[in-house]
Amino acid sequence: MATSKESGKSAGSSGGSAQKSGGGNGAPAKRGFAAMDQNQQREIASKGGQAAHQKGTAHEFDSEEARRAGQKGGEAVSRNRAHMADIGRKGGESRQSASRAAAAASKAGGNRQGGKES
């Protein structure tokens, strides 16, 4: 009898540690809110938001506050000169490649028609 209890304990504890390991990939298994499916998470979060509004503690952006927040974010991004230069370069390349492709298409189309007529 003592051996069956011991084997039962070891089987139970090994099953518990297998769950914590997250399937052997080294990361811990998700627990609580993170383990729920997205629909369950949304339901719970929605209830929390509704409760905050009913209680009067929910924060709502007005248009002026949203404008200031967007302006602040834009200023922070524009301080990074390398990032802004990269954005400008990509935009210029895109514009140039589009105009070059259009010019090449019209030139190629003109050559084909000219070749057929001659």
N, C-alpha and C. Protein backbone atom coordinates (compact mmCIF):
# COMPACT_ATOMS: atom_id res chain seq x y z
N MET A 1 0.81 -1.20 0.00
CA MET A 1 0.00 0.00 0.00
C MET A 1 0.85 1.26 0.00
N ALA A 2 1.94 1.25 0.72
CA ALA A 2 2.79 2.42 0.80
C ALA A 2 3.39 2.75 -0.56
N THR A 3 3.71 1.74 -1.34
CA THR A 3 4.29 1.99 -2.65
C THR A 3 3.27 2.59 -3.60
N SER A 4 2.02 2.21 -3.52
CA SER A 4 1.02 2.77 -4.42
C SER A 4 0.77 4.23 -4.10
N LYS A 5 0.81 4.59 -2.81
CA LYS A 5 0.64 6.00 -2.45
C LYS A 5 1.82 6.84 -2.94
N GLU A 6 3.02 6.28 -2.77
CA GLU A 6 4.21 7.00 -3.21
C GLU A 6 4.19 7.20 -4.72
N SER A 7 3.82 6.16 -5.45
CA SER A 7 3.79 6.30 -6.91
C SER A 7 2.71 7.29 -7.32
N GLY A 8 1.61 7.34 -6.59
CA GLY A 8 0.56 8.31 -6.87
C GLY A 8 1.05 9.72 -6.65
N LYS A 9 1.81 9.94 -5.59
CA LYS A 9 2.33 11.28 -5.30
C LYS A 9 3.33 11.71 -6.37
N SER A 10 4.21 10.78 -6.75
CA SER A 10 5.21 11.17 -7.74
C SER A 10 4.58 11.43 -9.09
N ALA A 11 3.55 10.68 -9.43
CA ALA A 11 2.87 10.92 -10.71
C ALA A 11 2.17 12.27 -10.69
N GLY A 12 1.56 12.59 -9.55
CA GLY A 12 0.88 13.88 -9.44
C GLY A 12 1.84 15.04 -9.48
N SER A 13 2.98 14.91 -8.82
CA SER A 13 3.92 16.03 -8.80
C SER A 13 4.61 16.20 -10.14
N SER A 14 4.87 15.09 -10.83
CA SER A 14 5.50 15.25 -12.14
C SER A 14 4.52 15.87 -13.13
N GLY A 15 3.23 15.56 -12.99
CA GLY A 15 2.24 16.17 -13.86
C GLY A 15 2.16 17.66 -13.62
N GLY A 16 2.29 18.08 -12.35
CA GLY A 16 2.23 19.50 -12.03
C GLY A 16 3.43 20.25 -12.59
N SER A 17 4.61 19.66 -12.52
CA SER A 17 5.79 20.34 -13.03
C SER A 17 5.78 20.39 -14.54
N ALA A 18 5.15 19.42 -15.18
CA ALA A 18 5.06 19.45 -16.63
C ALA A 18 4.20 20.62 -17.08
N GLN A 19 3.16 20.93 -16.31
CA GLN A 19 2.31 22.06 -16.66
C GLN A 19 3.06 23.37 -16.51
N LYS A 20 3.88 23.48 -15.49
CA LYS A 20 4.60 24.73 -15.25
C LYS A 20 5.68 24.97 -16.29
N SER A 21 6.21 23.91 -16.87
CA SER A 21 7.30 24.09 -17.82
C SER A 21 6.83 24.65 -19.15
N GLY A 22 5.54 24.59 -19.43
CA GLY A 22 5.04 25.14 -20.67
C GLY A 22 5.28 24.22 -21.85
N GLY A 23 5.31 22.91 -21.60
CA GLY A 23 5.45 21.97 -22.69
C GLY A 23 6.90 21.70 -23.07
N GLY A 24 7.84 22.04 -22.23
CA GLY A 24 9.22 21.70 -22.50
C GLY A 24 9.99 22.74 -23.28
N ASN A 25 9.41 23.88 -23.58
CA ASN A 25 10.14 24.88 -24.36
C ASN A 25 10.91 25.87 -23.49
N GLY A 26 10.89 25.65 -22.17
CA GLY A 26 11.66 26.51 -21.28
C GLY A 26 10.88 27.68 -20.72
N ALA A 27 9.78 28.07 -21.35
CA ALA A 27 8.97 29.18 -20.87
C ALA A 27 7.90 28.64 -19.91
N PRO A 28 7.56 29.38 -18.88
CA PRO A 28 6.52 28.91 -17.98
C PRO A 28 5.15 28.91 -18.67
N ALA A 29 4.30 28.01 -18.24
CA ALA A 29 2.96 27.91 -18.82
C ALA A 29 2.17 29.16 -18.47
N LYS A 30 1.27 29.56 -19.35
CA LYS A 30 0.42 30.71 -19.07
C LYS A 30 -0.56 30.35 -17.97
N ARG A 31 -0.83 31.31 -17.10
CA ARG A 31 -1.76 31.08 -16.00
C ARG A 31 -2.74 32.24 -15.93
N GLY A 32 -3.86 32.00 -15.28
CA GLY A 32 -4.83 33.05 -15.02
C GLY A 32 -5.36 33.70 -16.28
N PHE A 33 -5.33 35.01 -16.32
CA PHE A 33 -5.90 35.79 -17.42
C PHE A 33 -5.23 35.45 -18.74
N ALA A 34 -3.92 35.25 -18.73
CA ALA A 34 -3.18 34.96 -19.96
C ALA A 34 -3.55 33.60 -20.54
N ALA A 35 -4.00 32.67 -19.70
CA ALA A 35 -4.34 31.33 -20.17
C ALA A 35 -5.72 31.28 -20.81
N MET A 36 -6.54 32.30 -20.59
CA MET A 36 -7.89 32.32 -21.14
C MET A 36 -7.86 32.61 -22.64
N ASP A 37 -8.91 32.19 -23.33
CA ASP A 37 -8.98 32.54 -24.74
C ASP A 37 -9.35 34.02 -24.89
N GLN A 38 -9.16 34.57 -26.06
CA GLN A 38 -9.33 36.01 -26.26
C GLN A 38 -10.75 36.47 -25.96
N ASN A 39 -11.74 35.67 -26.30
CA ASN A 39 -13.13 36.09 -26.05
C ASN A 39 -13.40 36.24 -24.56
N GLN A 40 -12.88 35.30 -23.77
CA GLN A 40 -13.05 35.40 -22.31
C GLN A 40 -12.34 36.65 -21.79
N GLN A 41 -11.14 36.90 -22.27
CA GLN A 41 -10.40 38.08 -21.82
C GLN A 41 -11.16 39.35 -22.15
N ARG A 42 -11.73 39.43 -23.36
CA ARG A 42 -12.47 40.62 -23.76
C ARG A 42 -13.70 40.83 -22.91
N GLU A 43 -14.40 39.73 -22.59
CA GLU A 43 -15.60 39.84 -21.74
C GLU A 43 -15.23 40.43 -20.38
N ILE A 44 -14.19 39.89 -19.78
CA ILE A 44 -13.78 40.36 -18.45
C ILE A 44 -13.31 41.81 -18.51
N ALA A 45 -12.51 42.14 -19.52
CA ALA A 45 -12.02 43.52 -19.65
C ALA A 45 -13.18 44.47 -19.90
N SER A 46 -14.15 44.05 -20.67
CA SER A 46 -15.31 44.88 -20.95
C SER A 46 -16.10 45.17 -19.68
N LYS A 47 -16.26 44.13 -18.85
CA LYS A 47 -16.97 44.32 -17.58
C LYS A 47 -16.22 45.31 -16.69
N GLY A 48 -14.89 45.23 -16.70
CA GLY A 48 -14.09 46.16 -15.90
C GLY A 48 -14.25 47.59 -16.40
N GLY A 49 -14.27 47.77 -17.71
CA GLY A 49 -14.46 49.11 -18.27
C GLY A 49 -15.83 49.67 -17.96
N GLN A 50 -16.85 48.82 -18.06
CA GLN A 50 -18.21 49.27 -17.75
C GLN A 50 -18.33 49.66 -16.28
N ALA A 51 -17.70 48.88 -15.41
CA ALA A 51 -17.74 49.19 -13.98
C ALA A 51 -17.05 50.52 -13.69
N ALA A 52 -15.93 50.77 -14.37
CA ALA A 52 -15.21 52.04 -14.16
C ALA A 52 -16.07 53.22 -14.60
N HIS A 53 -16.79 53.07 -15.70
CA HIS A 53 -17.66 54.16 -16.16
C HIS A 53 -18.80 54.39 -15.19
N GLN A 54 -19.39 53.31 -14.68
CA GLN A 54 -20.48 53.44 -13.72
C GLN A 54 -19.99 54.09 -12.43
N LYS A 55 -18.78 53.74 -12.03
CA LYS A 55 -18.20 54.28 -10.80
C LYS A 55 -17.77 55.74 -10.98
N GLY A 56 -17.50 56.13 -12.24
CA GLY A 56 -17.08 57.49 -12.51
C GLY A 56 -15.58 57.68 -12.50
N THR A 57 -14.83 56.58 -12.49
CA THR A 57 -13.37 56.69 -12.45
C THR A 57 -12.73 56.42 -13.81
N ALA A 58 -13.54 56.16 -14.82
CA ALA A 58 -13.00 55.89 -16.16
C ALA A 58 -12.50 57.19 -16.78
N HIS A 59 -11.42 57.08 -17.56
CA HIS A 59 -10.86 58.26 -18.22
C HIS A 59 -11.34 58.29 -19.66
N GLU A 60 -11.82 59.42 -20.09
CA GLU A 60 -12.25 59.58 -21.48
C GLU A 60 -11.48 60.75 -22.08
N PHE A 61 -10.88 60.51 -23.23
CA PHE A 61 -10.16 61.56 -23.94
C PHE A 61 -11.17 62.49 -24.59
N ASP A 62 -10.97 63.79 -24.41
CA ASP A 62 -11.72 64.74 -25.24
C ASP A 62 -10.84 65.08 -26.44
N SER A 63 -11.38 65.76 -27.41
CA SER A 63 -10.64 66.00 -28.64
C SER A 63 -9.36 66.81 -28.40
N GLU A 64 -9.41 67.75 -27.49
CA GLU A 64 -8.22 68.58 -27.20
C GLU A 64 -7.11 67.73 -26.56
N GLU A 65 -7.49 66.87 -25.63
CA GLU A 65 -6.49 66.02 -24.98
C GLU A 65 -5.89 65.03 -25.97
N ALA A 66 -6.71 64.50 -26.86
CA ALA A 66 -6.21 63.58 -27.88
C ALA A 66 -5.26 64.31 -28.83
N ARG A 67 -5.59 65.55 -29.18
CA ARG A 67 -4.73 66.34 -30.07
C ARG A 67 -3.37 66.56 -29.42
N ARG A 68 -3.37 66.92 -28.14
CA ARG A 68 -2.10 67.15 -27.43
C ARG A 68 -1.27 65.87 -27.35
N ALA A 69 -1.93 64.75 -27.11
CA ALA A 69 -1.20 63.48 -27.02
C ALA A 69 -0.57 63.13 -28.36
N GLY A 70 -1.30 63.32 -29.44
CA GLY A 70 -0.75 63.06 -30.77
C GLY A 70 0.39 63.98 -31.11
N GLN A 71 0.27 65.23 -30.72
CA GLN A 71 1.34 66.20 -30.98
C GLN A 71 2.60 65.82 -30.22
N LYS A 72 2.42 65.41 -28.97
CA LYS A 72 3.55 65.01 -28.14
C LYS A 72 4.26 63.80 -28.75
N GLY A 73 3.49 62.83 -29.25
CA GLY A 73 4.08 61.66 -29.88
C GLY A 73 4.82 62.03 -31.15
N GLY A 74 4.24 62.93 -31.94
CA GLY A 74 4.89 63.37 -33.17
C GLY A 74 6.20 64.09 -32.90
N GLU A 75 6.23 64.89 -31.86
CA GLU A 75 7.46 65.59 -31.50
C GLU A 75 8.54 64.61 -31.07
N ALA A 76 8.15 63.60 -30.32
CA ALA A 76 9.11 62.61 -29.84
C ALA A 76 9.72 61.84 -31.01
N VAL A 77 8.90 61.48 -31.98
CA VAL A 77 9.39 60.73 -33.14
C VAL A 77 10.29 61.61 -34.00
N SER A 78 9.91 62.87 -34.17
CA SER A 78 10.68 63.75 -35.06
C SER A 78 12.03 64.14 -34.48
N ARG A 79 12.23 63.93 -33.19
CA ARG A 79 13.55 64.20 -32.60
C ARG A 79 14.59 63.19 -33.05
N ASN A 80 14.15 62.03 -33.47
CA ASN A 80 15.06 60.99 -33.93
C ASN A 80 15.37 61.26 -35.40
N ARG A 81 16.45 61.97 -35.66
CA ARG A 81 16.78 62.41 -37.02
C ARG A 81 17.04 61.24 -37.97
N ALA A 82 17.69 60.21 -37.46
CA ALA A 82 17.98 59.06 -38.31
C ALA A 82 16.68 58.39 -38.76
N HIS A 83 15.73 58.29 -37.86
CA HIS A 83 14.43 57.69 -38.19
C HIS A 83 13.70 58.54 -39.23
N MET A 84 13.71 59.85 -39.05
CA MET A 84 13.04 60.74 -39.99
C MET A 84 13.71 60.68 -41.36
N ALA A 85 15.02 60.60 -41.38
CA ALA A 85 15.73 60.51 -42.66
C ALA A 85 15.39 59.20 -43.37
N ASP A 86 15.27 58.14 -42.59
CA ASP A 86 14.91 56.84 -43.16
C ASP A 86 13.51 56.89 -43.77
N ILE A 87 12.58 57.52 -43.07
CA ILE A 87 11.21 57.65 -43.58
C ILE A 87 11.22 58.43 -44.89
N GLY A 88 11.94 59.54 -44.91
CA GLY A 88 12.00 60.37 -46.12
C GLY A 88 12.64 59.63 -47.28
N ARG A 89 13.67 58.86 -46.99
CA ARG A 89 14.35 58.10 -48.04
C ARG A 89 13.41 57.07 -48.63
N LYS A 90 12.68 56.37 -47.77
CA LYS A 90 11.74 55.35 -48.26
C LYS A 90 10.65 55.98 -49.11
N GLY A 91 10.16 57.12 -48.68
CA GLY A 91 9.13 57.82 -49.44
C GLY A 91 9.64 58.26 -50.80
N GLY A 92 10.85 58.79 -50.83
CA GLY A 92 11.45 59.23 -52.10
C GLY A 92 11.70 58.07 -53.03
N GLU A 93 12.17 56.97 -52.47
CA GLU A 93 12.41 55.79 -53.30
C GLU A 93 11.11 55.28 -53.88
N SER A 94 10.08 55.28 -53.08
CA SER A 94 8.79 54.79 -53.53
C SER A 94 8.27 55.66 -54.66
N ARG A 95 8.39 56.95 -54.49
CA ARG A 95 7.89 57.89 -55.50
C ARG A 95 8.70 57.78 -56.80
N GLN A 96 10.03 57.68 -56.65
CA GLN A 96 10.89 57.55 -57.82
C GLN A 96 10.62 56.24 -58.55
N SER A 97 10.48 55.17 -57.81
CA SER A 97 10.29 53.88 -58.47
C SER A 97 8.95 53.84 -59.17
N ALA A 98 7.93 54.50 -58.61
CA ALA A 98 6.62 54.53 -59.27
C ALA A 98 6.69 55.32 -60.57
N SER A 99 7.37 56.47 -60.54
CA SER A 99 7.47 57.28 -61.76
C SER A 99 8.37 56.61 -62.79
N ARG A 100 9.42 55.95 -62.32
CA ARG A 100 10.29 55.22 -63.25
C ARG A 100 9.55 54.05 -63.90
N ALA A 101 8.75 53.36 -63.12
CA ALA A 101 8.00 52.22 -63.65
C ALA A 101 6.99 52.71 -64.68
N ALA A 102 6.34 53.83 -64.42
CA ALA A 102 5.37 54.38 -65.36
C ALA A 102 6.07 54.81 -66.65
N ALA A 103 7.23 55.45 -66.50
CA ALA A 103 7.97 55.89 -67.68
C ALA A 103 8.45 54.69 -68.49
N ALA A 104 8.92 53.67 -67.82
CA ALA A 104 9.40 52.47 -68.51
C ALA A 104 8.24 51.77 -69.22
N ALA A 105 7.08 51.75 -68.60
CA ALA A 105 5.92 51.09 -69.21
C ALA A 105 5.47 51.83 -70.45
N SER A 106 5.44 53.15 -70.39
CA SER A 106 5.02 53.91 -71.56
C SER A 106 6.07 53.82 -72.68
N LYS A 107 7.34 53.79 -72.31
CA LYS A 107 8.40 53.67 -73.30
C LYS A 107 8.38 52.29 -73.95
N ALA A 108 8.19 51.27 -73.13
CA ALA A 108 8.15 49.90 -73.66
C ALA A 108 6.92 49.72 -74.54
N GLY A 109 5.79 50.29 -74.14
CA GLY A 109 4.58 50.19 -74.94
C GLY A 109 4.73 50.90 -76.26
N GLY A 110 5.40 52.04 -76.30
CA GLY A 110 5.63 52.78 -77.53
C GLY A 110 6.54 52.03 -78.47
N ASN A 111 7.56 51.36 -77.94
CA ASN A 111 8.47 50.59 -78.78
C ASN A 111 7.77 49.40 -79.43
N ARG A 112 6.89 48.76 -78.66
CA ARG A 112 6.20 47.59 -79.21
C ARG A 112 5.28 48.00 -80.36
N GLN A 113 4.57 49.07 -80.15
CA GLN A 113 3.65 49.51 -81.19
C GLN A 113 4.43 49.96 -82.43
N GLY A 114 5.53 50.64 -82.22
CA GLY A 114 6.35 51.11 -83.32
C GLY A 114 6.94 49.93 -84.08
N GLY A 115 7.31 48.86 -83.35
CA GLY A 115 7.88 47.71 -84.01
C GLY A 115 6.86 46.99 -84.87
N LYS A 116 5.60 46.96 -84.41
CA LYS A 116 4.56 46.26 -85.15
C LYS A 116 4.21 47.01 -86.43
N GLU A 117 4.20 48.32 -86.38
CA GLU A 117 3.83 49.12 -87.54
C GLU A 117 4.88 49.11 -88.62
N SER A 118 6.16 49.04 -88.26
CA SER A 118 7.24 49.13 -89.25
C SER A 118 7.44 47.90 -90.04
